[in-house]
Amino acid sequence: MTHDNTDLPEPMAQALALAQRAIGLSEPNPRVGCVLTGADGQVLGQGHTQAVGGPHAEVMALRDAQSRGHATRGATAYVTLEPCAHHGRTGPCCDALIAAGVARVVVSIEDPNPLVAGQGLARMRAAGITVTVGPGAAQSRELNIGFFSRMVRRTPWVRLKLAASLDGMTALDNGASQWITSEPARTDGHAWRARADVILTGIGTVRDDDPRLDVRLATVHRQPRLVVVDSRLETPPQARLFDAQRSVTLYAAQPHPGAEQALAARGARIVSMPGDTLGTASKVDLRAMLDDLARAETNEVHVEAGHKLNGSLIREGLVDELLVYLAPKLIGQGRPMAAFGPLSALQDSPALHFGPIDRIGPDLRVLARFAGRDEF
């Protein structure tokens, strides 16, 4: 989940740092950085991918070099992802490097997009450019885990965020949960919201907390889209989630024309996606919902929901990673992180691998990934 950059060539480490600046800006495009160097190692130009429809990292670096008065013929380009080879919203970046007379290109990792998938590397080699692939591959893939997930698995990367007491309770028995964790933890949580394409919650959270679920404690170029799992369309039209300037989609399982009209008047998009019927009630098909979000070019889904939806997502194997903030307090009887099971044997419990564990103010931040979820 985290990787050491100390063994990388300095320009590639710098390119990875630039790629970080594209978080919350370049989506649904990948986060990419590029550094151009001369024969003496001097930095000629640098840049990162801009907002969708804008220039990619390579073009930004070439423009930067030009603005500094540096010639790029014979230069080396360090790029954190294979330069694209197709005409999408912009022209092929591999052609831009070829036209600029770059002599060598060092690429972290091949682009998983089927429209690229090695073609950019092949075209640069065919043009006589020396191409090296590998330095910074793990770092670039991790930075773009959602993009890789969507391209390879055809589904977004799902990260479930939890704030809990040390004994694993996310709220009191009466539903009160503000605030279990500290202000630094909440600020850090907003930084994780900012990197997502979609923030996902359930109707239970909307009813209990009336949250905005936008990014307020971190600098953002755009607000993530909001998605609410609301089987019976019970979201109140006056809910605070409509106050933020962003797209809101409600996934429903049962038609309710009156509610649809009132919610649409608040700007909500309603998607009917019924799944299995339980008794007389139908639930949203969560897997189909994620497939639908992938078709809408969603790379990362950040879940902030209650124990019922959390449990459903885990039970159906749809969560890739947990982002857990643990406060140094005990609640005892309360609401758990996720309601699923009961399991008949301990070996039936989903296996996880711990990632980084950090102190955030007085709290602990734990990243844990479900076993095998990143093997694609």
Protein backbone atom coordinates (compact mmCIF):
# COMPACT_ATOMS: atom_id res chain seq x y z
CA MET A 1 0.00 0.00 0.00
CA THR A 2 2.98 2.29 0.61
CA HIS A 3 6.33 1.95 -1.09
CA ASP A 4 9.75 3.48 -0.50
CA ASN A 5 10.95 5.89 -3.20
CA THR A 6 14.56 6.05 -1.98
CA ASP A 7 15.87 3.54 -4.53
CA LEU A 8 14.28 5.30 -7.51
CA PRO A 9 16.07 7.66 -9.88
CA GLU A 10 15.51 11.17 -8.53
CA PRO A 11 13.55 12.33 -11.62
CA MET A 12 11.14 9.40 -11.25
CA ALA A 13 10.62 10.11 -7.55
CA GLN A 14 9.91 13.70 -8.56
CA ALA A 15 7.48 12.54 -11.26
CA LEU A 16 5.61 10.42 -8.70
CA ALA A 17 5.36 13.45 -6.40
CA LEU A 18 3.91 15.43 -9.30
CA ALA A 19 1.41 12.65 -9.98
CA GLN A 20 0.13 13.05 -6.42
CA ARG A 21 -0.93 16.58 -7.33
CA ALA A 22 -3.39 15.16 -9.87
CA ILE A 23 -5.46 13.52 -7.11
CA GLY A 24 -8.93 15.01 -7.23
CA LEU A 25 -8.13 16.76 -10.52
CA SER A 26 -7.46 14.32 -13.35
CA GLU A 27 -10.20 11.75 -12.67
CA PRO A 28 -11.42 9.68 -14.46
CA ASN A 29 -8.01 9.85 -16.14
CA PRO A 30 -5.09 8.36 -14.19
CA ARG A 31 -2.82 10.43 -11.97
CA VAL A 32 0.41 10.83 -13.92
CA GLY A 33 3.57 12.90 -13.52
CA CYS A 34 6.36 13.59 -16.02
CA VAL A 35 9.86 15.04 -15.66
CA LEU A 36 12.15 15.86 -18.63
CA THR A 37 15.90 15.92 -18.04
CA GLY A 38 18.89 16.87 -20.17
CA ALA A 39 22.15 14.99 -20.69
CA ASP A 40 23.58 16.49 -17.51
CA GLY A 41 20.52 15.54 -15.45
CA GLN A 42 19.17 19.10 -15.41
CA VAL A 43 15.39 19.29 -15.19
CA LEU A 44 14.14 20.79 -18.45
CA GLY A 45 10.43 20.65 -17.71
CA GLN A 46 7.85 18.91 -15.56
CA GLY A 47 4.11 18.55 -15.16
CA HIS A 48 1.16 16.38 -14.18
CA THR A 49 -2.12 15.46 -15.81
CA GLN A 50 -4.74 18.20 -15.71
CA ALA A 51 -8.52 18.09 -15.43
CA VAL A 52 -10.35 15.82 -17.85
CA GLY A 53 -10.10 17.17 -21.39
CA GLY A 54 -6.95 19.09 -20.50
CA PRO A 55 -3.34 18.19 -21.30
CA HIS A 56 -1.69 15.09 -19.93
CA ALA A 57 1.52 15.04 -17.91
CA GLU A 58 3.86 14.65 -20.91
CA VAL A 59 2.39 17.63 -22.74
CA MET A 60 2.53 19.72 -19.56
CA ALA A 61 6.22 18.86 -19.15
CA LEU A 62 6.99 19.69 -22.80
CA ARG A 63 5.19 23.02 -22.47
CA ASP A 64 7.08 23.75 -19.26
CA ALA A 65 10.40 23.06 -21.00
CA GLN A 66 9.41 25.33 -23.86
CA SER A 67 8.43 28.12 -21.47
CA ARG A 68 11.86 27.84 -19.82
CA GLY A 69 13.60 28.06 -23.19
CA HIS A 70 14.92 24.48 -23.08
CA ALA A 71 15.25 22.30 -26.17
CA THR A 72 13.94 18.76 -25.68
CA ARG A 73 15.78 16.97 -28.50
CA GLY A 74 17.88 14.22 -26.93
CA ALA A 75 16.15 14.57 -23.54
CA THR A 76 15.04 11.80 -21.20
CA ALA A 77 11.41 11.68 -20.11
CA TYR A 78 10.47 10.06 -16.79
CA VAL A 79 6.76 9.21 -16.85
CA THR A 80 4.79 7.39 -14.15
CA LEU A 81 2.44 5.66 -16.63
CA GLU A 82 2.83 4.57 -20.24
CA PRO A 83 2.17 7.52 -22.58
CA CYS A 84 -1.20 7.10 -24.28
CA ALA A 85 -1.33 6.01 -27.91
CA HIS A 86 -4.92 6.80 -28.85
CA HIS A 87 -7.06 9.79 -29.69
CA GLY A 88 -9.39 10.28 -26.75
CA ARG A 89 -10.20 13.66 -25.27
CA THR A 90 -6.63 14.64 -26.21
CA GLY A 91 -4.07 13.48 -28.77
CA PRO A 92 -1.58 10.63 -28.19
CA CYS A 93 1.17 11.57 -25.73
CA CYS A 94 3.61 9.09 -27.27
CA ASP A 95 3.41 11.09 -30.52
CA ALA A 96 4.09 14.33 -28.61
CA LEU A 97 7.29 12.84 -27.14
CA ILE A 98 8.36 11.51 -30.54
CA ALA A 99 7.77 14.91 -32.17
CA ALA A 100 9.75 16.62 -29.39
CA GLY A 101 12.82 14.54 -30.25
CA VAL A 102 13.06 12.82 -26.86
CA ALA A 103 15.81 10.18 -26.96
CA ARG A 104 14.89 8.07 -23.93
CA VAL A 105 11.71 7.41 -21.98
CA VAL A 106 11.60 5.76 -18.56
CA VAL A 107 8.09 4.52 -17.73
CA SER A 108 6.92 3.20 -14.38
CA ILE A 109 4.23 0.84 -15.61
CA GLU A 110 2.22 -0.12 -18.68
CA ASP A 111 -1.20 1.50 -19.07
CA PRO A 112 -3.95 -1.10 -18.40
CA ASN A 113 -6.37 0.75 -20.70
CA PRO A 114 -7.05 -1.67 -23.61
CA LEU A 115 -6.79 1.33 -25.96
CA VAL A 116 -3.14 1.72 -24.88
CA ALA A 117 -1.83 -1.53 -23.30
CA GLY A 118 1.72 -1.39 -24.67
CA GLN A 119 0.97 0.44 -27.92
CA GLY A 120 2.51 3.67 -26.67
CA LEU A 121 5.72 1.85 -25.76
CA ALA A 122 5.80 0.09 -29.13
CA ARG A 123 5.34 3.31 -31.10
CA MET A 124 8.11 5.09 -29.23
CA ARG A 125 10.49 2.15 -29.74
CA ALA A 126 9.57 2.05 -33.42
CA ALA A 127 10.53 5.74 -33.60
CA GLY A 128 14.00 4.93 -32.25
CA ILE A 129 13.42 6.00 -28.64
CA THR A 130 15.08 3.91 -25.94
CA VAL A 131 12.29 2.79 -23.59
CA THR A 132 12.74 1.40 -20.08
CA VAL A 133 9.80 0.13 -18.00
CA GLY A 134 9.70 -0.59 -14.28
CA PRO A 135 11.05 2.09 -11.93
CA GLY A 136 8.24 3.20 -9.63
CA ALA A 137 5.78 0.59 -10.92
CA ALA A 138 4.37 -0.34 -7.49
CA GLN A 139 4.01 3.31 -6.48
CA SER A 140 2.27 4.32 -9.70
CA ARG A 141 -0.11 1.37 -9.57
CA GLU A 142 -1.02 2.09 -5.96
CA LEU A 143 -1.62 5.74 -6.75
CA ASN A 144 -3.96 4.66 -9.56
CA ILE A 145 -5.45 1.57 -7.92
CA GLY A 146 -8.97 2.68 -8.86
CA PHE A 147 -8.05 3.28 -12.50
CA PHE A 148 -6.36 -0.13 -12.70
CA SER A 149 -9.40 -1.73 -11.05
CA ARG A 150 -11.81 -0.18 -13.53
CA MET A 151 -9.68 -1.06 -16.55
CA VAL A 152 -8.84 -4.63 -15.52
CA ARG A 153 -11.77 -5.75 -13.32
CA ARG A 154 -14.39 -3.42 -14.87
CA THR A 155 -15.42 -2.29 -11.38
CA PRO A 156 -14.31 0.57 -9.13
CA TRP A 157 -11.98 0.19 -6.15
CA VAL A 158 -14.19 0.28 -3.05
CA ARG A 159 -12.76 1.74 0.15
CA LEU A 160 -14.94 1.54 3.27
CA LYS A 161 -14.22 4.23 5.87
CA LEU A 162 -15.05 3.63 9.53
CA ALA A 163 -14.66 5.71 12.69
CA ALA A 164 -14.93 3.56 15.78
CA SER A 165 -14.06 3.15 19.42
CA LEU A 166 -11.28 0.75 20.37
CA ASP A 167 -13.90 -1.95 20.99
CA GLY A 168 -15.24 -1.54 17.46
CA MET A 169 -18.41 0.47 18.03
CA THR A 170 -19.30 3.17 15.49
CA ALA A 171 -22.18 4.67 17.47
CA LEU A 172 -24.07 4.41 20.73
CA ASP A 173 -27.10 2.14 20.88
CA ASN A 174 -29.28 5.21 20.27
CA GLY A 175 -27.35 6.04 17.09
CA ALA A 176 -25.31 8.98 18.45
CA SER A 177 -21.85 9.00 16.83
CA GLN A 178 -20.64 12.62 16.78
CA TRP A 179 -17.84 12.61 17.53
CA ILE A 180 -16.11 9.32 18.35
CA THR A 181 -12.83 10.30 16.71
CA SER A 182 -10.88 13.56 16.91
CA GLU A 183 -10.80 16.62 14.70
CA PRO A 184 -7.43 15.59 13.13
CA ALA A 185 -8.98 12.24 12.18
CA ARG A 186 -11.98 13.96 10.61
CA THR A 187 -9.68 16.28 8.63
CA ASP A 188 -7.68 13.29 7.43
CA GLY A 189 -10.90 11.54 6.46
CA HIS A 190 -11.83 14.50 4.24
CA ALA A 191 -8.50 14.10 2.41
CA TRP A 192 -9.51 10.52 1.62
CA ARG A 193 -12.94 11.70 0.49
CA ALA A 194 -11.22 14.16 -1.85
CA ARG A 195 -9.40 11.42 -3.76
CA ALA A 196 -12.61 9.49 -4.50
CA ASP A 197 -14.80 9.86 -7.58
CA VAL A 198 -17.89 8.85 -5.60
CA ILE A 199 -18.88 9.01 -1.94
CA LEU A 200 -21.38 6.23 -1.20
CA THR A 201 -23.81 6.12 1.71
CA GLY A 202 -27.13 4.55 2.64
CA ILE A 203 -30.56 5.85 3.54
CA GLY A 204 -30.01 4.91 7.19
CA THR A 205 -27.12 7.36 7.48
CA VAL A 206 -29.11 10.04 5.66
CA ARG A 207 -32.03 9.63 8.07
CA ASP A 208 -29.96 9.34 11.26
CA ASP A 209 -27.30 12.00 10.67
CA ASP A 210 -28.54 14.23 7.82
CA PRO A 211 -24.91 14.60 6.63
CA ARG A 212 -23.59 16.75 3.79
CA LEU A 213 -20.93 14.16 2.90
CA ASP A 214 -18.89 16.62 0.86
CA VAL A 215 -15.25 17.68 1.16
CA ARG A 216 -14.87 20.73 3.38
CA LEU A 217 -11.67 20.13 5.34
CA ALA A 218 -9.37 19.64 2.34
CA THR A 219 -8.65 21.66 -0.80
CA VAL A 220 -10.43 20.19 -3.81
CA HIS A 221 -10.74 21.00 -7.50
CA ARG A 222 -14.15 19.33 -7.63
CA GLN A 223 -16.58 17.69 -5.22
CA PRO A 224 -16.90 13.89 -5.54
CA ARG A 225 -20.26 12.69 -6.78
CA LEU A 226 -22.63 11.40 -4.09
CA VAL A 227 -24.47 8.10 -4.34
CA VAL A 228 -27.19 6.99 -1.91
CA VAL A 229 -28.47 3.42 -1.68
CA ASP A 230 -32.16 4.11 -1.01
CA SER A 231 -34.33 1.11 -1.88
CA ARG A 232 -37.68 2.78 -1.16
CA LEU A 233 -36.71 6.37 -2.07
CA GLU A 234 -37.02 7.68 1.48
CA THR A 235 -34.41 10.43 1.16
CA PRO A 236 -36.04 13.69 2.31
CA PRO A 237 -35.98 16.38 -0.39
CA GLN A 238 -34.78 18.83 2.28
CA ALA A 239 -31.76 16.65 3.20
CA ARG A 240 -28.50 18.57 3.60
CA LEU A 241 -26.76 16.32 1.07
CA PHE A 242 -28.43 18.40 -1.66
CA ASP A 243 -26.78 21.60 -0.37
CA ALA A 244 -23.37 20.83 -1.92
CA GLN A 245 -22.62 21.66 -5.56
CA ARG A 246 -22.18 18.15 -6.98
CA SER A 247 -24.01 15.31 -8.69
CA VAL A 248 -26.35 13.22 -6.49
CA THR A 249 -27.60 9.80 -7.61
CA LEU A 250 -30.10 7.67 -5.71
CA TYR A 251 -30.21 3.93 -6.44
CA ALA A 252 -33.68 2.57 -5.72
CA ALA A 253 -35.32 -0.86 -5.83
CA GLN A 254 -38.97 0.13 -5.77
CA PRO A 255 -40.81 2.76 -7.84
CA HIS A 256 -42.23 5.74 -5.98
CA PRO A 257 -43.38 8.35 -8.52
CA GLY A 258 -44.23 11.02 -5.95
CA ALA A 259 -40.85 10.79 -4.27
CA GLU A 260 -39.05 10.66 -7.61
CA GLN A 261 -40.63 13.93 -8.70
CA ALA A 262 -39.73 15.73 -5.46
CA LEU A 263 -36.15 14.40 -5.44
CA ALA A 264 -35.62 15.16 -9.12
CA ALA A 265 -36.65 18.73 -8.36
CA ARG A 266 -33.65 18.88 -6.01
CA GLY A 267 -31.38 17.72 -8.84
CA ALA A 268 -31.22 14.03 -7.92
CA ARG A 269 -30.76 11.38 -10.57
CA ILE A 270 -32.84 8.28 -9.83
CA VAL A 271 -31.65 4.85 -11.00
CA SER A 272 -33.86 1.80 -10.54
CA MET A 273 -31.74 -1.26 -9.80
CA PRO A 274 -33.79 -3.90 -7.96
CA GLY A 275 -32.04 -6.97 -6.67
CA ASP A 276 -33.24 -9.96 -4.66
CA THR A 277 -36.62 -9.68 -3.01
CA LEU A 278 -36.64 -10.25 0.75
CA GLY A 279 -40.20 -10.92 1.88
CA THR A 280 -42.25 -8.14 0.34
CA ALA A 281 -39.32 -5.73 0.05
CA SER A 282 -36.73 -5.52 -2.69
CA LYS A 283 -33.17 -4.33 -2.14
CA VAL A 284 -30.81 -2.53 -4.51
CA ASP A 285 -28.53 -4.85 -6.49
CA LEU A 286 -25.22 -3.59 -5.11
CA ARG A 287 -23.00 -5.43 -7.57
CA ALA A 288 -25.00 -4.10 -10.51
CA MET A 289 -24.76 -0.63 -8.97
CA LEU A 290 -20.95 -0.83 -8.94
CA ASP A 291 -20.99 -2.05 -12.54
CA ASP A 292 -23.13 0.96 -13.41
CA LEU A 293 -20.70 3.28 -11.64
CA ALA A 294 -17.81 1.74 -13.58
CA ARG A 295 -19.59 2.49 -16.84
CA ALA A 296 -19.80 6.09 -15.61
CA GLU A 297 -15.96 6.09 -15.38
CA THR A 298 -15.81 5.79 -11.59
CA ASN A 299 -12.37 4.75 -10.35
CA GLU A 300 -12.66 4.97 -6.56
CA VAL A 301 -15.72 4.65 -4.34
CA HIS A 302 -15.42 5.94 -0.77
CA VAL A 303 -18.07 4.40 1.49
CA GLU A 304 -19.32 6.20 4.59
CA ALA A 305 -22.40 4.32 5.67
CA GLY A 306 -24.02 2.52 8.60
CA HIS A 307 -23.51 -1.00 9.83
CA LYS A 308 -26.29 -2.46 7.67
CA LEU A 309 -25.01 -1.27 4.29
CA ASN A 310 -21.42 -1.90 5.39
CA GLY A 311 -22.40 -5.47 6.25
CA SER A 312 -24.17 -5.99 2.93
CA LEU A 313 -21.19 -4.75 0.95
CA ILE A 314 -18.78 -6.97 2.90
CA ARG A 315 -21.07 -9.99 2.78
CA GLU A 316 -21.31 -9.72 -1.01
CA GLY A 317 -17.52 -9.38 -1.36
CA LEU A 318 -17.68 -5.88 -2.80
CA VAL A 319 -15.27 -4.07 -0.45
CA ASP A 320 -11.59 -3.97 -1.36
CA GLU A 321 -10.11 -2.00 1.51
CA LEU A 322 -10.96 -0.71 4.99
CA LEU A 323 -9.94 2.73 6.20
CA VAL A 324 -10.48 2.61 9.95
CA TYR A 325 -9.99 5.37 12.52
CA LEU A 326 -9.85 3.98 16.07
CA ALA A 327 -10.40 6.31 19.01
CA PRO A 328 -8.86 5.59 22.44
CA LYS A 329 -12.22 5.07 24.12
CA LEU A 330 -14.63 2.24 24.90
CA ILE A 331 -18.36 2.31 24.20
CA GLY A 332 -19.47 -1.16 25.20
CA GLN A 333 -22.94 -1.81 23.88
CA GLY A 334 -23.44 0.05 20.64
CA ARG A 335 -23.60 -0.23 16.88
CA PRO A 336 -20.91 -2.35 15.24
CA MET A 337 -18.76 -1.55 12.20
CA ALA A 338 -20.66 -3.96 9.95
CA ALA A 339 -23.62 -6.28 10.39
CA PHE A 340 -23.10 -9.55 8.56
CA GLY A 341 -23.10 -13.21 9.49
CA PRO A 342 -23.38 -14.98 11.84
CA LEU A 343 -20.46 -17.11 10.72
CA SER A 344 -20.46 -20.79 11.59
CA ALA A 345 -16.67 -21.03 11.95
CA LEU A 346 -13.80 -18.62 12.51
CA GLN A 347 -12.12 -19.73 9.29
CA ASP A 348 -15.13 -18.40 7.39
CA SER A 349 -14.27 -14.82 8.35
CA PRO A 350 -12.92 -12.67 5.51
CA ALA A 351 -9.13 -12.49 5.63
CA LEU A 352 -7.45 -9.08 5.63
CA HIS A 353 -3.88 -7.83 5.37
CA PHE A 354 -2.80 -4.83 7.40
CA GLY A 355 -1.27 -1.90 5.59
CA PRO A 356 0.12 1.22 7.28
CA ILE A 357 -0.97 1.97 10.85
CA ASP A 358 -0.47 5.64 11.77
CA ARG A 359 -1.23 8.01 14.60
CA ILE A 360 -3.64 10.78 13.54
CA GLY A 361 -3.91 13.09 16.53
CA PRO A 362 -4.94 10.88 19.46
CA ASP A 363 -6.44 8.24 17.15
CA LEU A 364 -5.07 5.36 15.10
CA ARG A 365 -5.60 5.12 11.34
CA VAL A 366 -5.54 1.54 10.09
CA LEU A 367 -5.56 0.52 6.44
CA ALA A 368 -6.51 -3.09 5.87
CA ARG A 369 -7.01 -4.77 2.51
CA PHE A 370 -9.11 -7.85 1.88
CA ALA A 371 -6.86 -10.72 0.87
CA GLY A 372 -6.33 -11.01 -2.87
CA ARG A 373 -8.37 -7.94 -3.77
CA ASP A 374 -5.42 -6.16 -5.36
CA GLU A 375 -4.25 -9.16 -7.38
CA PHE A 376 -5.37 -8.05 -10.80
